């Protein structure tokens, strides 16, 4: 095996580890969304909070830009995550 092939394998293992971490964090976020739905239901507050959602998107876009990520990419990813979170909360509160 060449040095380049070894490096390729190491990089791929690193990417796999990061991907596993992303999935783990998404699962943690799901659990928090479920807890959030219960609290919102108890407080009788709506699931959707436009102001909070926009503040989140603005914050992660800015943070992503600071880490040399494309801000539009970060926005799309987080809008999908938030959309899923709202869906989880709506199903939990039904």
N, C-alpha and C. Protein backbone atom coordinates (compact mmCIF):
# COMPACT_ATOMS: atom_id res chain seq x y z
N UNK A 1 0.85 -1.18 0.00
CA UNK A 1 0.00 0.00 0.00
C UNK A 1 0.90 1.24 0.00
N UNK A 2 0.57 2.18 -0.85
CA UNK A 2 1.37 3.41 -0.95
C UNK A 2 1.03 4.36 0.18
N UNK A 3 1.91 5.33 0.37
CA UNK A 3 1.65 6.36 1.38
C UNK A 3 0.37 7.13 1.06
N UNK A 4 0.18 7.40 -0.23
CA UNK A 4 -1.03 8.12 -0.64
C UNK A 4 -2.28 7.30 -0.34
N UNK A 5 -2.21 5.98 -0.57
CA UNK A 5 -3.36 5.11 -0.28
C UNK A 5 -3.64 5.07 1.23
N UNK A 6 -2.58 5.01 2.03
CA UNK A 6 -2.75 5.04 3.49
C UNK A 6 -3.39 6.34 3.94
N UNK A 7 -2.93 7.44 3.35
CA UNK A 7 -3.51 8.74 3.71
C UNK A 7 -4.98 8.81 3.32
N UNK A 8 -5.30 8.28 2.13
CA UNK A 8 -6.69 8.25 1.68
C UNK A 8 -7.55 7.47 2.68
N UNK A 9 -7.06 6.31 3.10
CA UNK A 9 -7.81 5.49 4.06
C UNK A 9 -7.99 6.22 5.39
N UNK A 10 -6.96 6.90 5.87
CA UNK A 10 -7.04 7.64 7.12
C UNK A 10 -8.04 8.78 7.03
N UNK A 11 -8.00 9.48 5.91
CA UNK A 11 -8.94 10.58 5.71
C UNK A 11 -10.37 10.05 5.69
N UNK A 12 -10.58 8.96 4.99
CA UNK A 12 -11.93 8.38 4.92
C UNK A 12 -12.41 7.93 6.28
N UNK A 13 -11.53 7.35 7.08
CA UNK A 13 -11.90 6.96 8.45
C UNK A 13 -12.28 8.19 9.27
N UNK A 14 -11.54 9.27 9.08
CA UNK A 14 -11.85 10.52 9.77
C UNK A 14 -13.21 11.06 9.36
N UNK A 15 -13.49 11.02 8.08
CA UNK A 15 -14.79 11.48 7.58
C UNK A 15 -15.91 10.60 8.14
N UNK A 16 -15.70 9.29 8.16
CA UNK A 16 -16.71 8.38 8.74
C UNK A 16 -16.97 8.72 10.20
N UNK A 17 -15.91 9.02 10.94
CA UNK A 17 -16.07 9.36 12.36
C UNK A 17 -16.86 10.66 12.52
N UNK A 18 -16.56 11.64 11.68
CA UNK A 18 -17.30 12.91 11.73
C UNK A 18 -18.76 12.67 11.38
N UNK A 19 -19.02 11.87 10.35
CA UNK A 19 -20.40 11.57 9.95
C UNK A 19 -21.15 10.89 11.09
N UNK A 20 -20.50 9.95 11.77
CA UNK A 20 -21.13 9.29 12.92
C UNK A 20 -21.44 10.31 14.01
N UNK A 21 -20.53 11.25 14.22
CA UNK A 21 -20.76 12.30 15.20
C UNK A 21 -21.93 13.18 14.84
N UNK A 22 -22.06 13.49 13.56
CA UNK A 22 -23.20 14.30 13.10
C UNK A 22 -24.51 13.58 13.40
N UNK A 23 -24.57 12.29 13.09
CA UNK A 23 -25.79 11.52 13.34
C UNK A 23 -26.09 11.47 14.84
N UNK A 24 -25.06 11.29 15.65
CA UNK A 24 -25.25 11.27 17.10
C UNK A 24 -25.79 12.61 17.59
N UNK A 25 -25.26 13.70 17.07
CA UNK A 25 -25.74 15.03 17.47
C UNK A 25 -27.18 15.26 17.01
N UNK A 26 -27.52 14.77 15.83
CA UNK A 26 -28.91 14.90 15.36
C UNK A 26 -29.86 14.12 16.27
N UNK A 27 -29.41 12.95 16.74
CA UNK A 27 -30.24 12.17 17.66
C UNK A 27 -30.41 12.91 18.99
N UNK A 28 -29.35 13.54 19.47
CA UNK A 28 -29.44 14.34 20.70
C UNK A 28 -30.41 15.50 20.50
N UNK A 29 -30.33 16.13 19.35
CA UNK A 29 -31.22 17.27 19.06
C UNK A 29 -32.67 16.80 19.02
N UNK A 30 -32.90 15.61 18.47
CA UNK A 30 -34.25 15.06 18.41
C UNK A 30 -34.80 14.88 19.82
N UNK A 31 -34.00 14.33 20.71
CA UNK A 31 -34.44 14.13 22.09
C UNK A 31 -34.78 15.47 22.75
N UNK A 32 -33.97 16.47 22.51
CA UNK A 32 -34.25 17.80 23.07
C UNK A 32 -35.54 18.38 22.47
N UNK A 33 -35.76 18.14 21.18
CA UNK A 33 -36.99 18.62 20.55
C UNK A 33 -38.22 17.95 21.16
N UNK A 34 -38.10 16.67 21.49
CA UNK A 34 -39.21 15.98 22.14
C UNK A 34 -39.49 16.57 23.51
N UNK A 35 -38.45 16.83 24.27
CA UNK A 35 -38.62 17.47 25.58
C UNK A 35 -39.22 18.86 25.43
N UNK A 36 -38.75 19.59 24.43
CA UNK A 36 -39.25 20.93 24.18
C UNK A 36 -40.74 20.91 23.87
N UNK A 37 -41.16 19.94 23.07
CA UNK A 37 -42.59 19.84 22.73
C UNK A 37 -43.44 19.66 23.98
N UNK A 38 -42.97 18.85 24.91
CA UNK A 38 -43.73 18.62 26.15
C UNK A 38 -43.84 19.90 26.98
N UNK A 39 -42.73 20.63 27.05
CA UNK A 39 -42.74 21.88 27.82
C UNK A 39 -43.63 22.92 27.14
N UNK A 40 -43.53 23.03 25.83
CA UNK A 40 -44.37 23.99 25.11
C UNK A 40 -45.85 23.66 25.29
N UNK A 41 -46.16 22.36 25.25
CA UNK A 41 -47.55 21.96 25.44
C UNK A 41 -48.03 22.34 26.83
N UNK A 42 -47.21 22.09 27.85
CA UNK A 42 -47.57 22.42 29.23
C UNK A 42 -47.75 23.93 29.40
N UNK A 43 -46.93 24.70 28.71
CA UNK A 43 -47.01 26.17 28.81
C UNK A 43 -48.02 26.77 27.83
N UNK A 44 -48.56 25.91 26.97
CA UNK A 44 -49.51 26.35 25.94
C UNK A 44 -48.92 27.43 25.05
N UNK A 45 -47.67 27.20 24.62
CA UNK A 45 -47.04 28.10 23.65
C UNK A 45 -46.94 27.37 22.32
N UNK A 46 -47.00 28.11 21.23
CA UNK A 46 -46.97 27.46 19.92
C UNK A 46 -45.62 26.78 19.63
N UNK A 47 -45.70 25.76 18.80
CA UNK A 47 -44.49 25.06 18.37
C UNK A 47 -43.62 26.00 17.53
N UNK A 48 -44.25 26.68 16.59
CA UNK A 48 -43.50 27.53 15.66
C UNK A 48 -43.26 28.90 16.26
N UNK A 49 -42.00 29.30 16.27
CA UNK A 49 -41.60 30.62 16.75
C UNK A 49 -40.71 31.23 15.67
N UNK A 50 -41.32 32.02 14.82
CA UNK A 50 -40.62 32.60 13.67
C UNK A 50 -39.39 33.40 14.08
N UNK A 51 -39.52 34.19 15.12
CA UNK A 51 -38.41 35.04 15.57
C UNK A 51 -37.25 34.17 16.06
N UNK A 52 -37.55 33.17 16.87
CA UNK A 52 -36.51 32.26 17.38
C UNK A 52 -35.83 31.51 16.24
N UNK A 53 -36.63 31.03 15.28
CA UNK A 53 -36.08 30.29 14.15
C UNK A 53 -35.13 31.17 13.33
N UNK A 54 -35.54 32.39 13.05
CA UNK A 54 -34.68 33.29 12.26
C UNK A 54 -33.41 33.63 13.02
N UNK A 55 -33.52 33.83 14.32
CA UNK A 55 -32.34 34.12 15.14
C UNK A 55 -31.37 32.94 15.10
N UNK A 56 -31.89 31.72 15.16
CA UNK A 56 -31.05 30.53 15.07
C UNK A 56 -30.33 30.47 13.73
N UNK A 57 -31.07 30.66 12.65
CA UNK A 57 -30.48 30.61 11.31
C UNK A 57 -29.41 31.69 11.16
N UNK A 58 -29.71 32.88 11.61
CA UNK A 58 -28.72 33.97 11.52
C UNK A 58 -27.46 33.62 12.31
N UNK A 59 -27.65 33.07 13.50
CA UNK A 59 -26.50 32.73 14.35
C UNK A 59 -25.63 31.66 13.72
N UNK A 60 -26.24 30.58 13.24
CA UNK A 60 -25.42 29.49 12.68
C UNK A 60 -24.80 29.89 11.35
N UNK A 61 -25.48 30.72 10.57
CA UNK A 61 -24.86 31.22 9.33
C UNK A 61 -23.61 32.02 9.64
N UNK A 62 -23.72 32.89 10.61
CA UNK A 62 -22.59 33.73 11.01
C UNK A 62 -21.44 32.86 11.52
N UNK A 63 -21.78 31.91 12.38
CA UNK A 63 -20.78 31.01 12.95
C UNK A 63 -20.15 30.15 11.86
N UNK A 64 -20.98 29.67 10.94
CA UNK A 64 -20.46 28.90 9.81
C UNK A 64 -19.49 29.71 8.97
N UNK A 65 -19.87 30.97 8.70
CA UNK A 65 -18.99 31.85 7.93
C UNK A 65 -17.66 32.06 8.62
N UNK A 66 -17.70 32.17 9.94
CA UNK A 66 -16.45 32.34 10.71
C UNK A 66 -15.56 31.10 10.60
N UNK A 67 -16.17 29.96 10.27
CA UNK A 67 -15.41 28.71 10.12
C UNK A 67 -15.22 28.33 8.65
N UNK A 68 -15.32 29.34 7.80
CA UNK A 68 -15.07 29.20 6.36
C UNK A 68 -16.04 28.25 5.64
N UNK A 69 -17.27 28.18 6.15
CA UNK A 69 -18.32 27.43 5.48
C UNK A 69 -19.18 28.38 4.66
N UNK A 70 -19.74 27.86 3.60
CA UNK A 70 -20.66 28.64 2.78
C UNK A 70 -21.92 28.89 3.61
N UNK A 71 -22.24 30.16 3.83
CA UNK A 71 -23.37 30.51 4.69
C UNK A 71 -24.70 30.01 4.16
N UNK A 72 -24.87 29.99 2.84
CA UNK A 72 -26.13 29.49 2.27
C UNK A 72 -26.27 28.00 2.52
N UNK A 73 -25.15 27.27 2.43
CA UNK A 73 -25.17 25.83 2.74
C UNK A 73 -25.58 25.61 4.19
N UNK A 74 -24.99 26.37 5.10
CA UNK A 74 -25.31 26.25 6.52
C UNK A 74 -26.80 26.56 6.74
N UNK A 75 -27.29 27.59 6.08
CA UNK A 75 -28.71 27.94 6.23
C UNK A 75 -29.61 26.80 5.77
N UNK A 76 -29.32 26.22 4.61
CA UNK A 76 -30.15 25.13 4.09
C UNK A 76 -30.14 23.94 5.05
N UNK A 77 -28.96 23.57 5.53
CA UNK A 77 -28.85 22.45 6.46
C UNK A 77 -29.67 22.72 7.72
N UNK A 78 -29.53 23.91 8.28
CA UNK A 78 -30.24 24.20 9.52
C UNK A 78 -31.73 24.39 9.30
N UNK A 79 -32.14 24.88 8.17
CA UNK A 79 -33.59 24.97 7.91
C UNK A 79 -34.19 23.56 7.84
N UNK A 80 -33.44 22.62 7.26
CA UNK A 80 -33.91 21.23 7.23
C UNK A 80 -33.97 20.65 8.64
N UNK A 81 -32.97 20.92 9.45
CA UNK A 81 -32.94 20.44 10.83
C UNK A 81 -34.11 21.03 11.61
N UNK A 82 -34.34 22.32 11.46
CA UNK A 82 -35.44 22.98 12.18
C UNK A 82 -36.79 22.45 11.69
N UNK A 83 -36.91 22.24 10.38
CA UNK A 83 -38.16 21.70 9.84
C UNK A 83 -38.44 20.33 10.46
N UNK A 84 -37.42 19.49 10.57
CA UNK A 84 -37.58 18.18 11.18
C UNK A 84 -37.94 18.31 12.66
N UNK A 85 -37.31 19.25 13.33
CA UNK A 85 -37.59 19.47 14.75
C UNK A 85 -39.05 19.89 14.95
N UNK A 86 -39.53 20.78 14.11
CA UNK A 86 -40.94 21.20 14.23
C UNK A 86 -41.87 20.02 13.97
N UNK A 87 -41.53 19.20 12.98
CA UNK A 87 -42.35 18.03 12.67
C UNK A 87 -42.40 17.09 13.88
N UNK A 88 -41.25 16.86 14.50
CA UNK A 88 -41.20 16.02 15.70
C UNK A 88 -42.07 16.61 16.79
N UNK A 89 -41.97 17.91 16.99
CA UNK A 89 -42.74 18.56 18.05
C UNK A 89 -44.24 18.51 17.78
N UNK A 90 -44.64 18.72 16.51
CA UNK A 90 -46.06 18.67 16.18
C UNK A 90 -46.62 17.27 16.44
N UNK A 91 -45.84 16.23 16.08
CA UNK A 91 -46.31 14.86 16.30
C UNK A 91 -46.39 14.54 17.79
N UNK A 92 -45.43 15.06 18.55
CA UNK A 92 -45.40 14.80 19.99
C UNK A 92 -46.59 15.49 20.68
N UNK A 93 -46.93 16.67 20.22
CA UNK A 93 -47.98 17.44 20.90
C UNK A 93 -49.37 17.07 20.42
N UNK A 94 -49.45 16.21 19.43
CA UNK A 94 -50.77 15.82 18.88
C UNK A 94 -51.48 14.81 19.76
